[in-house]
Amino acid sequence: MYEHAPHIKILLLLNNICATSPERAISIEYISNYIKEDRESVLRHIDLLLKYGYVSKIIKNNSTFLFLTQTGLLAALSIYS
C-alpha cells in the first residue's frame, strides 16, 4: 500500500479536520502525534509547507498552531483527484 510523504500527511490532516482558519488551527504536538514523528522532524516538514505558502502558523499560549491557506487547501484537494 502506498504511504504519503510526511508533508503530504500534514496537508491531508489539516484538510480532513477543516483546519482552514486561525480559529481551527491545530498544534505542532497534535501533528507530531498524528504522523508519528518527533517535533524537530515535523518542524522541518512544516518549513517546506510554509515555503510554498500551503500553511500559516500562529502562536497561541506559547504554542505554535497551523492551518491551511487557500493555496494549501487546493493542494490538499488535488491529491484526491
N, C-alpha and C. Protein backbone atom coordinates (compact mmCIF):
# COMPACT_ATOMS: atom_id res chain seq x y z
N MET A 1 0.83 -1.17 0.00
CA MET A 1 0.00 0.00 0.00
C MET A 1 0.88 1.24 0.00
N TYR A 2 0.46 2.25 -0.74
CA TYR A 2 1.21 3.49 -0.86
C TYR A 2 1.05 4.34 0.40
N GLU A 3 2.16 4.91 0.86
CA GLU A 3 2.12 5.80 2.01
C GLU A 3 2.62 7.18 1.59
N HIS A 4 1.89 8.21 1.97
CA HIS A 4 2.25 9.58 1.60
C HIS A 4 3.48 10.05 2.38
N ALA A 5 4.20 10.98 1.78
CA ALA A 5 5.32 11.64 2.45
C ALA A 5 4.77 12.43 3.65
N PRO A 6 5.60 12.65 4.66
CA PRO A 6 5.11 13.34 5.86
C PRO A 6 4.48 14.71 5.61
N HIS A 7 5.06 15.51 4.71
CA HIS A 7 4.46 16.83 4.47
C HIS A 7 3.08 16.70 3.82
N ILE A 8 2.87 15.66 3.03
CA ILE A 8 1.55 15.42 2.45
C ILE A 8 0.58 14.95 3.53
N LYS A 9 1.06 14.12 4.45
CA LYS A 9 0.22 13.69 5.56
C LYS A 9 -0.27 14.90 6.37
N ILE A 10 0.61 15.87 6.55
CA ILE A 10 0.23 17.08 7.30
C ILE A 10 -0.84 17.85 6.54
N LEU A 11 -0.64 18.02 5.23
CA LEU A 11 -1.66 18.70 4.41
C LEU A 11 -3.01 18.01 4.51
N LEU A 12 -2.99 16.69 4.37
CA LEU A 12 -4.25 15.94 4.42
C LEU A 12 -4.90 16.00 5.79
N LEU A 13 -4.10 15.95 6.84
CA LEU A 13 -4.64 16.07 8.19
C LEU A 13 -5.34 17.41 8.37
N LEU A 14 -4.66 18.48 7.99
CA LEU A 14 -5.26 19.82 8.13
C LEU A 14 -6.55 19.93 7.33
N ASN A 15 -6.56 19.36 6.15
CA ASN A 15 -7.77 19.37 5.33
C ASN A 15 -8.88 18.53 5.96
N ASN A 16 -8.55 17.34 6.39
CA ASN A 16 -9.56 16.42 6.91
C ASN A 16 -10.25 16.92 8.17
N ILE A 17 -9.54 17.70 8.97
CA ILE A 17 -10.17 18.23 10.18
C ILE A 17 -10.58 19.70 10.01
N CYS A 18 -10.55 20.17 8.77
CA CYS A 18 -11.00 21.53 8.42
C CYS A 18 -10.23 22.62 9.16
N ALA A 19 -8.93 22.43 9.31
CA ALA A 19 -8.08 23.46 9.92
C ALA A 19 -7.73 24.49 8.84
N THR A 20 -8.70 25.35 8.54
CA THR A 20 -8.57 26.29 7.43
C THR A 20 -8.66 27.75 7.87
N SER A 21 -8.54 27.98 9.16
CA SER A 21 -8.57 29.34 9.69
C SER A 21 -7.82 29.35 11.02
N PRO A 22 -7.41 30.53 11.47
CA PRO A 22 -6.71 30.60 12.76
C PRO A 22 -7.52 30.00 13.91
N GLU A 23 -8.81 30.14 13.86
CA GLU A 23 -9.67 29.60 14.92
C GLU A 23 -9.69 28.07 14.95
N ARG A 24 -9.38 27.45 13.83
CA ARG A 24 -9.43 25.99 13.73
C ARG A 24 -8.03 25.37 13.62
N ALA A 25 -7.00 26.17 13.84
CA ALA A 25 -5.62 25.70 13.74
C ALA A 25 -5.33 24.59 14.75
N ILE A 26 -4.39 23.72 14.40
CA ILE A 26 -4.01 22.62 15.31
C ILE A 26 -2.53 22.75 15.69
N SER A 27 -2.21 22.17 16.81
CA SER A 27 -0.86 22.32 17.38
C SER A 27 0.16 21.41 16.70
N ILE A 28 1.40 21.83 16.81
CA ILE A 28 2.52 21.03 16.32
C ILE A 28 2.52 19.67 17.02
N GLU A 29 2.22 19.66 18.31
CA GLU A 29 2.21 18.42 19.08
C GLU A 29 1.17 17.45 18.54
N TYR A 30 -0.01 17.97 18.22
CA TYR A 30 -1.06 17.12 17.65
C TYR A 30 -0.58 16.51 16.33
N ILE A 31 0.02 17.34 15.50
CA ILE A 31 0.53 16.87 14.20
C ILE A 31 1.61 15.81 14.42
N SER A 32 2.52 16.08 15.33
CA SER A 32 3.60 15.14 15.62
C SER A 32 3.06 13.78 16.05
N ASN A 33 2.08 13.78 16.92
CA ASN A 33 1.47 12.52 17.35
C ASN A 33 0.75 11.82 16.21
N TYR A 34 0.07 12.59 15.38
CA TYR A 34 -0.71 12.01 14.28
C TYR A 34 0.18 11.32 13.25
N ILE A 35 1.26 12.00 12.85
CA ILE A 35 2.12 11.40 11.81
C ILE A 35 3.25 10.56 12.40
N LYS A 36 3.28 10.49 13.73
CA LYS A 36 4.25 9.63 14.44
C LYS A 36 5.70 9.99 14.11
N GLU A 37 5.98 11.29 14.20
CA GLU A 37 7.35 11.78 14.02
C GLU A 37 7.66 12.76 15.14
N ASP A 38 8.95 12.89 15.45
CA ASP A 38 9.34 13.81 16.52
C ASP A 38 9.13 15.27 16.09
N ARG A 39 9.09 16.13 17.07
CA ARG A 39 8.79 17.55 16.84
C ARG A 39 9.76 18.19 15.84
N GLU A 40 11.04 17.90 15.95
CA GLU A 40 12.03 18.51 15.05
C GLU A 40 11.79 18.09 13.60
N SER A 41 11.45 16.85 13.36
CA SER A 41 11.13 16.39 12.01
C SER A 41 9.89 17.10 11.48
N VAL A 42 8.89 17.20 12.33
CA VAL A 42 7.65 17.87 11.94
C VAL A 42 7.93 19.33 11.58
N LEU A 43 8.78 19.99 12.35
CA LEU A 43 9.11 21.39 12.06
C LEU A 43 9.79 21.53 10.71
N ARG A 44 10.63 20.57 10.33
CA ARG A 44 11.26 20.60 9.00
C ARG A 44 10.21 20.47 7.90
N HIS A 45 9.25 19.57 8.09
CA HIS A 45 8.18 19.40 7.09
C HIS A 45 7.33 20.67 7.01
N ILE A 46 7.08 21.27 8.15
CA ILE A 46 6.28 22.49 8.18
C ILE A 46 7.00 23.64 7.48
N ASP A 47 8.32 23.71 7.64
CA ASP A 47 9.09 24.75 6.95
C ASP A 47 8.88 24.66 5.44
N LEU A 48 8.85 23.44 4.91
CA LEU A 48 8.60 23.25 3.48
C LEU A 48 7.20 23.75 3.11
N LEU A 49 6.21 23.39 3.91
CA LEU A 49 4.83 23.81 3.63
C LEU A 49 4.69 25.33 3.75
N LEU A 50 5.39 25.94 4.68
CA LEU A 50 5.38 27.40 4.81
C LEU A 50 6.04 28.05 3.60
N LYS A 51 7.14 27.47 3.15
CA LYS A 51 7.87 27.99 1.99
C LYS A 51 6.97 28.07 0.75
N TYR A 52 6.14 27.05 0.56
CA TYR A 52 5.25 27.02 -0.59
C TYR A 52 3.93 27.75 -0.35
N GLY A 53 3.75 28.28 0.84
CA GLY A 53 2.54 29.02 1.14
C GLY A 53 1.31 28.15 1.38
N TYR A 54 1.53 26.88 1.71
CA TYR A 54 0.42 25.95 1.93
C TYR A 54 -0.19 26.05 3.32
N VAL A 55 0.60 26.52 4.28
CA VAL A 55 0.11 26.65 5.65
C VAL A 55 0.51 28.01 6.21
N SER A 56 -0.21 28.42 7.23
CA SER A 56 0.16 29.58 8.03
C SER A 56 0.29 29.11 9.47
N LYS A 57 1.12 29.81 10.21
CA LYS A 57 1.25 29.44 11.62
C LYS A 57 0.93 30.63 12.50
N ILE A 58 0.41 30.31 13.66
CA ILE A 58 0.10 31.32 14.66
C ILE A 58 0.61 30.82 16.01
N ILE A 59 0.82 31.75 16.91
CA ILE A 59 1.24 31.41 18.26
C ILE A 59 0.08 31.73 19.20
N LYS A 60 -0.32 30.72 19.98
CA LYS A 60 -1.36 30.89 21.00
C LYS A 60 -0.85 30.25 22.28
N ASN A 61 -0.90 30.99 23.37
CA ASN A 61 -0.48 30.44 24.67
C ASN A 61 0.91 29.80 24.61
N ASN A 62 1.82 30.47 23.92
CA ASN A 62 3.21 30.00 23.78
C ASN A 62 3.35 28.68 23.03
N SER A 63 2.35 28.30 22.25
CA SER A 63 2.41 27.10 21.41
C SER A 63 2.17 27.50 19.96
N THR A 64 2.75 26.74 19.05
CA THR A 64 2.59 27.01 17.62
C THR A 64 1.46 26.16 17.07
N PHE A 65 0.60 26.80 16.28
CA PHE A 65 -0.54 26.14 15.65
C PHE A 65 -0.50 26.41 14.16
N LEU A 66 -1.03 25.47 13.37
CA LEU A 66 -1.04 25.58 11.91
C LEU A 66 -2.44 25.47 11.36
N PHE A 67 -2.63 26.13 10.21
CA PHE A 67 -3.86 25.95 9.45
C PHE A 67 -3.54 26.08 7.97
N LEU A 68 -4.40 25.53 7.14
CA LEU A 68 -4.22 25.58 5.69
C LEU A 68 -4.55 26.96 5.15
N THR A 69 -3.75 27.41 4.18
CA THR A 69 -4.10 28.60 3.41
C THR A 69 -5.00 28.16 2.26
N GLN A 70 -5.49 29.10 1.49
CA GLN A 70 -6.29 28.73 0.32
C GLN A 70 -5.46 27.91 -0.66
N THR A 71 -4.20 28.28 -0.83
CA THR A 71 -3.31 27.51 -1.71
C THR A 71 -3.11 26.10 -1.17
N GLY A 72 -2.95 25.98 0.14
CA GLY A 72 -2.79 24.67 0.76
C GLY A 72 -4.03 23.81 0.62
N LEU A 73 -5.18 24.44 0.72
CA LEU A 73 -6.44 23.71 0.55
C LEU A 73 -6.54 23.15 -0.87
N LEU A 74 -6.19 23.96 -1.85
CA LEU A 74 -6.20 23.48 -3.24
C LEU A 74 -5.20 22.34 -3.43
N ALA A 75 -4.03 22.47 -2.83
CA ALA A 75 -3.02 21.41 -2.95
C ALA A 75 -3.52 20.12 -2.30
N ALA A 76 -4.13 20.22 -1.13
CA ALA A 76 -4.65 19.04 -0.45
C ALA A 76 -5.76 18.38 -1.26
N LEU A 77 -6.66 19.18 -1.78
CA LEU A 77 -7.78 18.62 -2.55
C LEU A 77 -7.30 18.00 -3.86
N SER A 78 -6.23 18.54 -4.44
CA SER A 78 -5.73 17.99 -5.70
C SER A 78 -5.13 16.59 -5.51
N ILE A 79 -4.76 16.25 -4.30
CA ILE A 79 -4.22 14.91 -4.02
C ILE A 79 -5.29 13.85 -4.26
N TYR A 80 -6.54 14.22 -4.00
CA TYR A 80 -7.65 13.27 -4.15
C TYR A 80 -8.13 13.13 -5.59
N SER A 81 -7.72 14.05 -6.46
CA SER A 81 -8.25 13.98 -7.84
C SER A 81 -7.30 13.31 -8.80
